[in-house]
Amino acid sequence: MVAEAEGINKERIEHAIIDYLGVLGFSKAIPKLIELKQNKAIISVNRKYVKDVKAAFIFSKISCIGVSGILKRAREKFMNR
C-alpha cells in the first residue's frame, strides 16, 4: 500500500490506524513502514485489513494512492509520480 500526505511519518501512520481500528485491529493488520520518501510511504499491511487501513487513512487525511502485492511494483508504479 502506498500512502501520501504532507508531513507523513511512522507515528502519524500508526496513530491513524490505532485511532480507527484500535489496538487489537492494529495488531491484526500488522502495518510495517517499508519506505518513506518525500511525502509518500510504502506500508506493508495484512491483506485482510487493507480496506480497514484505507478507511483509517481517510479519517486522518492521508490518501492511499495505490495498492500492490509486490514491493517492486509499488515502487515503480507509485513512488516515481
Protein backbone atom coordinates (compact mmCIF):
# COMPACT_ATOMS: atom_id res chain seq x y z
CA MET A 1 0.00 0.00 0.00
CA VAL A 2 1.32 3.44 -0.88
CA ALA A 3 0.09 6.44 1.12
CA GLU A 4 0.64 10.14 0.55
CA ALA A 5 0.26 13.17 2.83
CA GLU A 6 2.10 16.30 3.92
CA GLY A 7 4.44 15.51 6.79
CA ILE A 8 3.79 11.77 6.71
CA ASN A 9 5.85 9.73 9.15
CA LYS A 10 5.71 6.44 11.03
CA GLU A 11 3.97 7.90 14.08
CA ARG A 12 1.24 9.57 12.02
CA ILE A 13 0.53 6.30 10.19
CA GLU A 14 0.42 4.28 13.41
CA HIS A 15 -1.85 6.79 15.18
CA ALA A 16 -4.24 6.88 12.21
CA ILE A 17 -4.63 3.10 12.27
CA ILE A 18 -4.87 2.83 16.07
CA ASP A 19 -7.46 5.64 16.26
CA TYR A 20 -9.71 3.86 13.76
CA LEU A 21 -9.07 0.15 14.38
CA GLY A 22 -7.95 0.19 18.00
CA VAL A 23 -5.01 -1.71 19.41
CA LEU A 24 -6.45 -5.14 18.57
CA GLY A 25 -7.14 -4.16 14.96
CA PHE A 26 -3.67 -2.63 14.71
CA SER A 27 -2.08 -5.88 15.86
CA LYS A 28 -4.14 -7.88 13.34
CA ALA A 29 -3.38 -5.54 10.43
CA ILE A 30 0.37 -5.81 11.15
CA PRO A 31 1.34 -2.50 9.48
CA LYS A 32 5.03 -2.04 8.70
CA LEU A 33 6.63 1.03 7.20
CA ILE A 34 8.80 -0.21 4.34
CA GLU A 35 9.93 3.03 2.70
CA LEU A 36 9.45 6.74 3.31
CA LYS A 37 10.29 9.16 0.51
CA GLN A 38 9.26 12.83 0.36
CA ASN A 39 5.51 12.82 1.12
CA LYS A 40 4.92 9.15 0.23
CA ALA A 41 5.21 5.95 2.22
CA ILE A 42 5.13 2.28 1.30
CA ILE A 43 3.33 0.34 4.02
CA SER A 44 3.01 -3.42 4.34
CA VAL A 45 -0.39 -4.49 5.68
CA ASN A 46 -2.10 -7.85 6.17
CA ARG A 47 -4.21 -8.31 3.03
CA LYS A 48 -7.37 -8.97 5.05
CA TYR A 49 -7.15 -5.45 6.55
CA VAL A 50 -6.32 -3.34 3.50
CA LYS A 51 -9.84 -1.85 3.31
CA ASP A 52 -9.83 -1.09 7.05
CA VAL A 53 -6.47 0.67 6.86
CA LYS A 54 -7.63 2.67 3.83
CA ALA A 55 -10.68 3.76 5.85
CA ALA A 56 -8.42 4.77 8.75
CA PHE A 57 -6.36 6.90 6.38
CA ILE A 58 -9.46 8.69 5.09
CA PHE A 59 -10.33 9.88 8.59
CA SER A 60 -6.80 11.14 9.22
CA LYS A 61 -6.44 12.95 5.87
CA ILE A 62 -3.86 10.52 4.47
CA SER A 63 -4.58 9.43 0.92
CA CYS A 64 -3.95 5.92 -0.32
CA ILE A 65 -2.63 6.32 -3.85
CA GLY A 66 -2.36 2.63 -4.63
CA VAL A 67 -2.19 -0.98 -3.52
CA SER A 68 0.14 -3.61 -4.90
CA GLY A 69 1.02 -7.10 -3.80
CA ILE A 70 4.65 -6.71 -4.88
CA LEU A 71 7.02 -4.14 -3.38
CA LYS A 72 9.00 -3.70 -6.58
CA ARG A 73 5.81 -2.92 -8.50
CA ALA A 74 4.66 -0.45 -5.82
CA ARG A 75 7.97 1.41 -6.04
CA GLU A 76 7.90 1.53 -9.83
CA LYS A 77 4.26 2.48 -10.19
CA PHE A 78 3.56 4.86 -7.31
CA MET A 79 6.78 6.25 -5.82
CA ASN A 80 8.02 7.88 -9.03
CA ARG A 81 4.94 10.03 -9.63
